[in-house]
């Protein structure tokens, strides 16, 4: 498993705000789960990490950063692991 955060640079919807807005995990089979850190504190389950990026990437306005490699690693918008 790999842990990550979603760091929102620009909030195009005006809902989630900016900064660290969610945390998540990618499981060994690619299944990805995110947990929102702001109301309504929802959780989402996605088949792949690319699905998370496609839905919540906000066209580059959100960065996905892994936190288990000792230093942050950013996945480019629309990129893959």
PDB file of N, CA and C in Angstrom:
ATOM      1  N   UNK A   1       0.843  -1.177   0.000  1.00  0.00           N
ATOM      2  CA  UNK A   1       0.000   0.000   0.000  1.00  0.00           C
ATOM      3  C   UNK A   1       0.890   1.242   0.000  1.00  0.00           C
ATOM      4  N   UNK A   2       0.377   2.284  -0.639  1.00  0.00           N
ATOM      5  CA  UNK A   2       1.069   3.569  -0.655  1.00  0.00           C
ATOM      6  C   UNK A   2       0.087   4.655  -0.235  1.00  0.00           C
ATOM      7  N   UNK A   3       0.526   5.485   0.677  1.00  0.00           N
ATOM      8  CA  UNK A   3      -0.327   6.585   1.135  1.00  0.00           C
ATOM      9  C   UNK A   3      -0.036   7.839   0.312  1.00  0.00           C
ATOM     10  N   UNK A   4      -1.074   8.676   0.159  1.00  0.00           N
ATOM     11  CA  UNK A   4      -0.898   9.933  -0.561  1.00  0.00           C
ATOM     12  C   UNK A   4      -1.819  10.998   0.020  1.00  0.00           C
ATOM     13  N   UNK A   5      -1.543  12.237  -0.377  1.00  0.00           N
ATOM     14  CA  UNK A   5      -2.436  13.343  -0.071  1.00  0.00           C
ATOM     15  C   UNK A   5      -2.847  13.999  -1.385  1.00  0.00           C
ATOM     16  N   UNK A   6      -3.997  14.652  -1.365  1.00  0.00           N
ATOM     17  CA  UNK A   6      -4.403  15.523  -2.462  1.00  0.00           C
ATOM     18  C   UNK A   6      -4.183  16.948  -1.985  1.00  0.00           C
ATOM     19  N   UNK A   7      -3.333  17.674  -2.697  1.00  0.00           N
ATOM     20  CA  UNK A   7      -3.012  19.053  -2.359  1.00  0.00           C
ATOM     21  C   UNK A   7      -3.645  19.945  -3.416  1.00  0.00           C
ATOM     22  N   UNK A   8      -4.643  20.706  -3.022  1.00  0.00           N
ATOM     23  CA  UNK A   8      -5.392  21.547  -3.952  1.00  0.00           C
ATOM     24  C   UNK A   8      -4.722  22.908  -4.048  1.00  0.00           C
ATOM     25  N   UNK A   9      -4.243  23.237  -5.250  1.00  0.00           N
ATOM     26  CA  UNK A   9      -3.617  24.529  -5.516  1.00  0.00           C
ATOM     27  C   UNK A   9      -4.689  25.588  -5.761  1.00  0.00           C
ATOM     28  N   UNK A  10      -5.695  25.205  -6.554  1.00  0.00           N
ATOM     29  CA  UNK A  10      -6.790  26.113  -6.897  1.00  0.00           C
ATOM     30  C   UNK A  10      -8.101  25.355  -6.772  1.00  0.00           C
ATOM     31  N   UNK A  11      -9.045  25.933  -6.057  1.00  0.00           N
ATOM     32  CA  UNK A  11     -10.350  25.300  -5.868  1.00  0.00           C
ATOM     33  C   UNK A  11     -11.330  25.882  -6.881  1.00  0.00           C
ATOM     34  N   UNK A  12     -11.459  25.220  -8.021  1.00  0.00           N
ATOM     35  CA  UNK A  12     -12.307  25.737  -9.096  1.00  0.00           C
ATOM     36  C   UNK A  12     -13.792  25.631  -8.767  1.00  0.00           C
ATOM     37  N   UNK A  13     -14.170  24.756  -7.836  1.00  0.00           N
ATOM     38  CA  UNK A  13     -15.582  24.583  -7.493  1.00  0.00           C
ATOM     39  C   UNK A  13     -16.011  25.447  -6.309  1.00  0.00           C
ATOM     40  N   UNK A  14     -15.045  25.910  -5.519  1.00  0.00           N
ATOM     41  CA  UNK A  14     -15.372  26.678  -4.332  1.00  0.00           C
ATOM     42  C   UNK A  14     -15.902  25.839  -3.186  1.00  0.00           C
ATOM     43  N   UNK A  15     -15.679  24.516  -3.244  1.00  0.00           N
ATOM     44  CA  UNK A  15     -16.223  23.610  -2.242  1.00  0.00           C
ATOM     45  C   UNK A  15     -15.164  23.109  -1.269  1.00  0.00           C
ATOM     46  N   UNK A  16     -14.074  22.575  -1.781  1.00  0.00           N
ATOM     47  CA  UNK A  16     -13.109  21.882  -0.917  1.00  0.00           C
ATOM     48  C   UNK A  16     -12.003  22.763  -0.373  1.00  0.00           C
ATOM     49  N   UNK A  17     -11.814  23.949  -0.912  1.00  0.00           N
ATOM     50  CA  UNK A  17     -10.754  24.817  -0.435  1.00  0.00           C
ATOM     51  C   UNK A  17      -9.403  24.469  -1.052  1.00  0.00           C
ATOM     52  N   UNK A  18      -8.343  25.031  -0.484  1.00  0.00           N
ATOM     53  CA  UNK A  18      -6.994  24.795  -0.983  1.00  0.00           C
ATOM     54  C   UNK A  18      -6.139  24.154   0.103  1.00  0.00           C
ATOM     55  N   UNK A  19      -4.936  23.737  -0.280  1.00  0.00           N
ATOM     56  CA  UNK A  19      -4.050  23.045   0.647  1.00  0.00           C
ATOM     57  C   UNK A  19      -4.358  21.548   0.647  1.00  0.00           C
ATOM     58  N   UNK A  20      -4.009  20.867   1.716  1.00  0.00           N
ATOM     59  CA  UNK A  20      -4.266  19.432   1.824  1.00  0.00           C
ATOM     60  C   UNK A  20      -5.758  19.237   2.061  1.00  0.00           C
ATOM     61  N   UNK A  21      -6.438  18.629   1.092  1.00  0.00           N
ATOM     62  CA  UNK A  21      -7.893  18.481   1.187  1.00  0.00           C
ATOM     63  C   UNK A  21      -8.335  17.039   1.396  1.00  0.00           C
ATOM     64  N   UNK A  22      -7.451  16.078   1.090  1.00  0.00           N
ATOM     65  CA  UNK A  22      -7.816  14.669   1.247  1.00  0.00           C
ATOM     66  C   UNK A  22      -6.555  13.839   1.431  1.00  0.00           C
ATOM     67  N   UNK A  23      -6.739  12.669   2.021  1.00  0.00           N
ATOM     68  CA  UNK A  23      -5.655  11.695   2.144  1.00  0.00           C
ATOM     69  C   UNK A  23      -6.162  10.381   1.586  1.00  0.00           C
ATOM     70  N   UNK A  24      -5.239   9.543   1.155  1.00  0.00           N
ATOM     71  CA  UNK A  24      -5.684   8.304   0.541  1.00  0.00           C
ATOM     72  C   UNK A  24      -4.651   7.214   0.553  1.00  0.00           C
ATOM     73  N   UNK A  25      -5.078   6.069   0.036  1.00  0.00           N
ATOM     74  CA  UNK A  25      -4.247   4.879  -0.053  1.00  0.00           C
ATOM     75  C   UNK A  25      -4.472   4.217  -1.406  1.00  0.00           C
ATOM     76  N   UNK A  26      -3.376   3.746  -1.995  1.00  0.00           N
ATOM     77  CA  UNK A  26      -3.446   2.920  -3.196  1.00  0.00           C
ATOM     78  C   UNK A  26      -3.059   1.514  -2.766  1.00  0.00           C
ATOM     79  N   UNK A  27      -3.933   0.554  -2.997  1.00  0.00           N
ATOM     80  CA  UNK A  27      -3.670  -0.827  -2.628  1.00  0.00           C
ATOM     81  C   UNK A  27      -2.870  -1.529  -3.716  1.00  0.00           C
ATOM     82  N   UNK A  28      -2.341  -2.691  -3.417  1.00  0.00           N
ATOM     83  CA  UNK A  28      -1.445  -3.407  -4.335  1.00  0.00           C
ATOM     84  C   UNK A  28      -2.109  -3.754  -5.662  1.00  0.00           C
ATOM     85  N   UNK A  29      -3.433  -3.868  -5.692  1.00  0.00           N
ATOM     86  CA  UNK A  29      -4.121  -4.172  -6.948  1.00  0.00           C
ATOM     87  C   UNK A  29      -4.543  -2.915  -7.704  1.00  0.00           C
ATOM     88  N   UNK A  30      -4.181  -1.727  -7.194  1.00  0.00           N
ATOM     89  CA  UNK A  30      -4.499  -0.470  -7.848  1.00  0.00           C
ATOM     90  C   UNK A  30      -5.722   0.233  -7.297  1.00  0.00           C
ATOM     91  N   UNK A  31      -6.572  -0.482  -6.550  1.00  0.00           N
ATOM     92  CA  UNK A  31      -7.746   0.131  -5.942  1.00  0.00           C
ATOM     93  C   UNK A  31      -7.296   1.307  -5.079  1.00  0.00           C
ATOM     94  N   UNK A  32      -7.984   2.429  -5.190  1.00  0.00           N
ATOM     95  CA  UNK A  32      -7.596   3.641  -4.473  1.00  0.00           C
ATOM     96  C   UNK A  32      -8.762   4.167  -3.652  1.00  0.00           C
ATOM     97  N   UNK A  33      -8.465   4.587  -2.428  1.00  0.00           N
ATOM     98  CA  UNK A  33      -9.475   5.115  -1.519  1.00  0.00           C
ATOM     99  C   UNK A  33      -9.027   6.503  -1.077  1.00  0.00           C
ATOM    100  N   UNK A  34      -9.959   7.459  -1.100  1.00  0.00           N
ATOM    101  CA  UNK A  34      -9.643   8.784  -0.578  1.00  0.00           C
ATOM    102  C   UNK A  34     -10.617   9.144   0.540  1.00  0.00           C
ATOM    103  N   UNK A  35     -10.103   9.926   1.461  1.00  0.00           N
ATOM    104  CA  UNK A  35     -10.879  10.410   2.605  1.00  0.00           C
ATOM    105  C   UNK A  35     -10.731  11.926   2.641  1.00  0.00           C
ATOM    106  N   UNK A  36     -11.859  12.634   2.512  1.00  0.00           N
ATOM    107  CA  UNK A  36     -11.832  14.095   2.514  1.00  0.00           C
ATOM    108  C   UNK A  36     -11.643  14.617   3.928  1.00  0.00           C
ATOM    109  N   UNK A  37     -10.815  15.648   4.071  1.00  0.00           N
ATOM    110  CA  UNK A  37     -10.481  16.203   5.377  1.00  0.00           C
ATOM    111  C   UNK A  37     -11.337  17.397   5.751  1.00  0.00           C
ATOM    112  N   UNK A  38     -12.320  17.698   4.914  1.00  0.00           N
ATOM    113  CA  UNK A  38     -13.236  18.804   5.175  1.00  0.00           C
ATOM    114  C   UNK A  38     -14.664  18.318   4.996  1.00  0.00           C
ATOM    115  N   UNK A  39     -15.597  19.009   5.595  1.00  0.00           N
ATOM    116  CA  UNK A  39     -16.995  18.586   5.511  1.00  0.00           C
ATOM    117  C   UNK A  39     -17.403  18.381   4.066  1.00  0.00           C
ATOM    118  N   UNK A  40     -18.126  17.327   3.794  1.00  0.00           N
ATOM    119  CA  UNK A  40     -18.807  16.416   4.711  1.00  0.00           C
ATOM    120  C   UNK A  40     -17.976  15.188   5.091  1.00  0.00           C
ATOM    121  N   UNK A  41     -16.650  15.241   4.949  1.00  0.00           N
ATOM    122  CA  UNK A  41     -15.750  14.163   5.368  1.00  0.00           C
ATOM    123  C   UNK A  41     -16.093  12.826   4.705  1.00  0.00           C
ATOM    124  N   UNK A  42     -16.402  12.875   3.441  1.00  0.00           N
ATOM    125  CA  UNK A  42     -16.794  11.682   2.693  1.00  0.00           C
ATOM    126  C   UNK A  42     -15.574  10.828   2.340  1.00  0.00           C
ATOM    127  N   UNK A  43     -15.847   9.608   1.909  1.00  0.00           N
ATOM    128  CA  UNK A  43     -14.812   8.711   1.406  1.00  0.00           C
ATOM    129  C   UNK A  43     -15.219   8.274   0.005  1.00  0.00           C
ATOM    130  N   UNK A  44     -14.217   7.982  -0.817  1.00  0.00           N
ATOM    131  CA  UNK A  44     -14.490   7.507  -2.166  1.00  0.00           C
ATOM    132  C   UNK A  44     -13.586   6.337  -2.501  1.00  0.00           C
ATOM    133  N   UNK A  45     -14.113   5.386  -3.250  1.00  0.00           N
ATOM    134  CA  UNK A  45     -13.354   4.212  -3.674  1.00  0.00           C
ATOM    135  C   UNK A  45     -13.308   4.221  -5.197  1.00  0.00           C
ATOM    136  N   UNK A  46     -12.105   4.081  -5.765  1.00  0.00           N
ATOM    137  CA  UNK A  46     -11.891   4.156  -7.204  1.00  0.00           C
ATOM    138  C   UNK A  46     -11.116   2.926  -7.666  1.00  0.00           C
ATOM    139  N   UNK A  47     -11.365   2.492  -8.879  1.00  0.00           N
ATOM    140  CA  UNK A  47     -10.687   1.305  -9.418  1.00  0.00           C
ATOM    141  C   UNK A  47      -9.198   1.528  -9.614  1.00  0.00           C
ATOM    142  N   UNK A  48      -8.799   2.762  -9.971  1.00  0.00           N
ATOM    143  CA  UNK A  48      -7.386   3.056 -10.201  1.00  0.00           C
ATOM    144  C   UNK A  48      -7.046   4.446  -9.674  1.00  0.00           C
ATOM    145  N   UNK A  49      -5.772   4.693  -9.515  1.00  0.00           N
ATOM    146  CA  UNK A  49      -5.299   6.010  -9.127  1.00  0.00           C
ATOM    147  C   UNK A  49      -5.581   7.021 -10.234  1.00  0.00           C
ATOM    148  N   UNK A  50      -5.508   6.583 -11.481  1.00  0.00           N
ATOM    149  CA  UNK A  50      -5.831   7.483 -12.591  1.00  0.00           C
ATOM    150  C   UNK A  50      -7.281   7.950 -12.522  1.00  0.00           C
ATOM    151  N   UNK A  51      -8.184   7.110 -12.008  1.00  0.00           N
ATOM    152  CA  UNK A  51      -9.572   7.521 -11.825  1.00  0.00           C
ATOM    153  C   UNK A  51      -9.671   8.646 -10.798  1.00  0.00           C
ATOM    154  N   UNK A  52      -8.904   8.548  -9.721  1.00  0.00           N
ATOM    155  CA  UNK A  52      -8.882   9.610  -8.711  1.00  0.00           C
ATOM    156  C   UNK A  52      -8.431  10.918  -9.355  1.00  0.00           C
ATOM    157  N   UNK A  53      -7.354  10.848 -10.127  1.00  0.00           N
ATOM    158  CA  UNK A  53      -6.817  12.042 -10.777  1.00  0.00           C
ATOM    159  C   UNK A  53      -7.812  12.609 -11.780  1.00  0.00           C
ATOM    160  N   UNK A  54      -8.462  11.732 -12.550  1.00  0.00           N
ATOM    161  CA  UNK A  54      -9.420  12.191 -13.554  1.00  0.00           C
ATOM    162  C   UNK A  54     -10.597  12.926 -12.908  1.00  0.00           C
ATOM    163  N   UNK A  55     -11.064  12.437 -11.766  1.00  0.00           N
ATOM    164  CA  UNK A  55     -12.227  13.030 -11.110  1.00  0.00           C
ATOM    165  C   UNK A  55     -11.859  14.257 -10.279  1.00  0.00           C
ATOM    166  N   UNK A  56     -10.737  14.200  -9.567  1.00  0.00           N
ATOM    167  CA  UNK A  56     -10.421  15.233  -8.584  1.00  0.00           C
ATOM    168  C   UNK A  56      -9.215  16.085  -8.932  1.00  0.00           C
ATOM    169  N   UNK A  57      -8.615  15.871 -10.089  1.00  0.00           N
ATOM    170  CA  UNK A  57      -7.421  16.621 -10.479  1.00  0.00           C
ATOM    171  C   UNK A  57      -7.668  18.067 -10.832  1.00  0.00           C
ATOM    172  N   UNK A  58      -8.895  18.408 -11.179  1.00  0.00           N
ATOM    173  CA  UNK A  58      -9.271  19.787 -11.511  1.00  0.00           C
ATOM    174  C   UNK A  58      -8.321  20.399 -12.542  1.00  0.00           C
ATOM    175  N   UNK A  59      -8.014  19.611 -13.582  1.00  0.00           N
ATOM    176  CA  UNK A  59      -7.180  20.073 -14.710  1.00  0.00           C
ATOM    177  C   UNK A  59      -5.865  20.684 -14.247  1.00  0.00           C
ATOM    178  N   UNK A  60      -5.190  20.006 -13.336  1.00  0.00           N
ATOM    179  CA  UNK A  60      -3.894  20.469 -12.837  1.00  0.00           C
ATOM    180  C   UNK A  60      -3.979  21.300 -11.576  1.00  0.00           C
ATOM    181  N   UNK A  61      -5.183  21.596 -11.100  1.00  0.00           N
ATOM    182  CA  UNK A  61      -5.355  22.396  -9.895  1.00  0.00           C
ATOM    183  C   UNK A  61      -5.148  21.620  -8.614  1.00  0.00           C
ATOM    184  N   UNK A  62      -4.951  20.306  -8.731  1.00  0.00           N
ATOM    185  CA  UNK A  62      -4.721  19.447  -7.572  1.00  0.00           C
ATOM    186  C   UNK A  62      -3.507  18.579  -7.826  1.00  0.00           C
ATOM    187  N   UNK A  63      -2.647  18.471  -6.838  1.00  0.00           N
ATOM    188  CA  UNK A  63      -1.484  17.599  -6.926  1.00  0.00           C
ATOM    189  C   UNK A  63      -1.708  16.378  -6.058  1.00  0.00           C
ATOM    190  N   UNK A  64      -1.308  15.223  -6.566  1.00  0.00           N
ATOM    191  CA  UNK A  64      -1.313  13.999  -5.792  1.00  0.00           C
ATOM    192  C   UNK A  64       0.121  13.771  -5.349  1.00  0.00           C
ATOM    193  N   UNK A  65       0.341  13.676  -4.047  1.00  0.00           N
ATOM    194  CA  UNK A  65       1.697  13.533  -3.515  1.00  0.00           C
ATOM    195  C   UNK A  65       1.771  12.288  -2.638  1.00  0.00           C
ATOM    196  N   UNK A  66       2.671  11.379  -3.006  1.00  0.00           N
ATOM    197  CA  UNK A  66       2.893  10.198  -2.166  1.00  0.00           C
ATOM    198  C   UNK A  66       3.703  10.599  -0.945  1.00  0.00           C
ATOM    199  N   UNK A  67       3.423   9.976   0.196  1.00  0.00           N
ATOM    200  CA  UNK A  67       4.102  10.345   1.433  1.00  0.00           C
ATOM    201  C   UNK A  67       4.905   9.204   2.048  1.00  0.00           C
ATOM    202  N   UNK A  68       4.981   8.063   1.408  1.00  0.00           N
ATOM    203  CA  UNK A  68       5.687   6.924   1.995  1.00  0.00           C
ATOM    204  C   UNK A  68       7.079   6.689   1.429  1.00  0.00           C
ATOM    205  N   UNK A  69       7.533   7.512   0.521  1.00  0.00           N
ATOM    206  CA  UNK A  69       8.853   7.302  -0.073  1.00  0.00           C
ATOM    207  C   UNK A  69       9.953   8.094   0.614  1.00  0.00           C
ATOM    208  N   UNK A  70       9.661   8.700   1.754  1.00  0.00           N
ATOM    209  CA  UNK A  70      10.656   9.486   2.446  1.00  0.00           C
ATOM    210  C   UNK A  70      10.585  10.954   2.039  1.00  0.00           C
ATOM    211  N   UNK A  71      10.288  11.212   0.783  1.00  0.00           N
ATOM    212  CA  UNK A  71      10.041  12.573   0.347  1.00  0.00           C
ATOM    213  C   UNK A  71       8.849  12.562  -0.596  1.00  0.00           C
ATOM    214  N   UNK A  72       8.215  13.688  -0.729  1.00  0.00           N
ATOM    215  CA  UNK A  72       7.018  13.761  -1.562  1.00  0.00           C
ATOM    216  C   UNK A  72       7.360  13.485  -3.025  1.00  0.00           C
ATOM    217  N   UNK A  73       6.506  12.744  -3.693  1.00  0.00           N
ATOM    218  CA  UNK A  73       6.623  12.485  -5.119  1.00  0.00           C
ATOM    219  C   UNK A  73       5.324  12.920  -5.760  1.00  0.00           C
ATOM    220  N   UNK A  74       5.424  13.792  -6.751  1.00  0.00           N
ATOM    221  CA  UNK A  74       4.215  14.297  -7.394  1.00  0.00           C
ATOM    222  C   UNK A  74       3.954  13.519  -8.677  1.00  0.00           C
ATOM    223  N   UNK A  75       2.711  13.108  -8.878  1.00  0.00           N
ATOM    224  CA  UNK A  75       2.290  12.456 -10.115  1.00  0.00           C
ATOM    225  C   UNK A  75       1.692  13.545 -11.005  1.00  0.00           C
ATOM    226  N   UNK A  76       2.212  13.716 -12.212  1.00  0.00           N
ATOM    227  CA  UNK A  76       1.649  14.742 -13.099  1.00  0.00           C
ATOM    228  C   UNK A  76       0.181  14.496 -13.401  1.00  0.00           C
ATOM    229  N   UNK A  77      -0.544  15.575 -13.646  1.00  0.00           N
ATOM    230  CA  UNK A  77      -1.961  15.474 -13.969  1.00  0.00           C
ATOM    231  C   UNK A  77      -2.142  14.572 -15.179  1.00  0.00           C
ATOM    232  N   UNK A  78      -2.987  13.540 -15.022  1.00  0.00           N
ATOM    233  CA  UNK A  78      -3.267  12.617 -16.106  1.00  0.00           C
ATOM    234  C   UNK A  78      -2.198  11.562 -16.292  1.00  0.00           C
ATOM    235  N   UNK A  79      -1.165  11.589 -15.445  1.00  0.00           N
ATOM    236  CA  UNK A  79      -0.078  10.624 -15.566  1.00  0.00           C
ATOM    237  C   UNK A  79      -0.408   9.328 -14.874  1.00  0.00           C
ATOM    238  N   UNK A  80       0.517   8.419 -14.916  1.00  0.00           N
ATOM    239  CA  UNK A  80       0.335   7.137 -14.234  1.00  0.00           C
ATOM    240  C   UNK A  80       1.520   6.899 -13.338  1.00  0.00           C
ATOM    241  N   UNK A  81       1.371   5.913 -12.462  1.00  0.00           N
ATOM    242  CA  UNK A  81       2.445   5.586 -11.526  1.00  0.00           C
ATOM    243  C   UNK A  81       3.673   5.136 -12.253  1.00  0.00           C
TER     244      UNK A  81
END
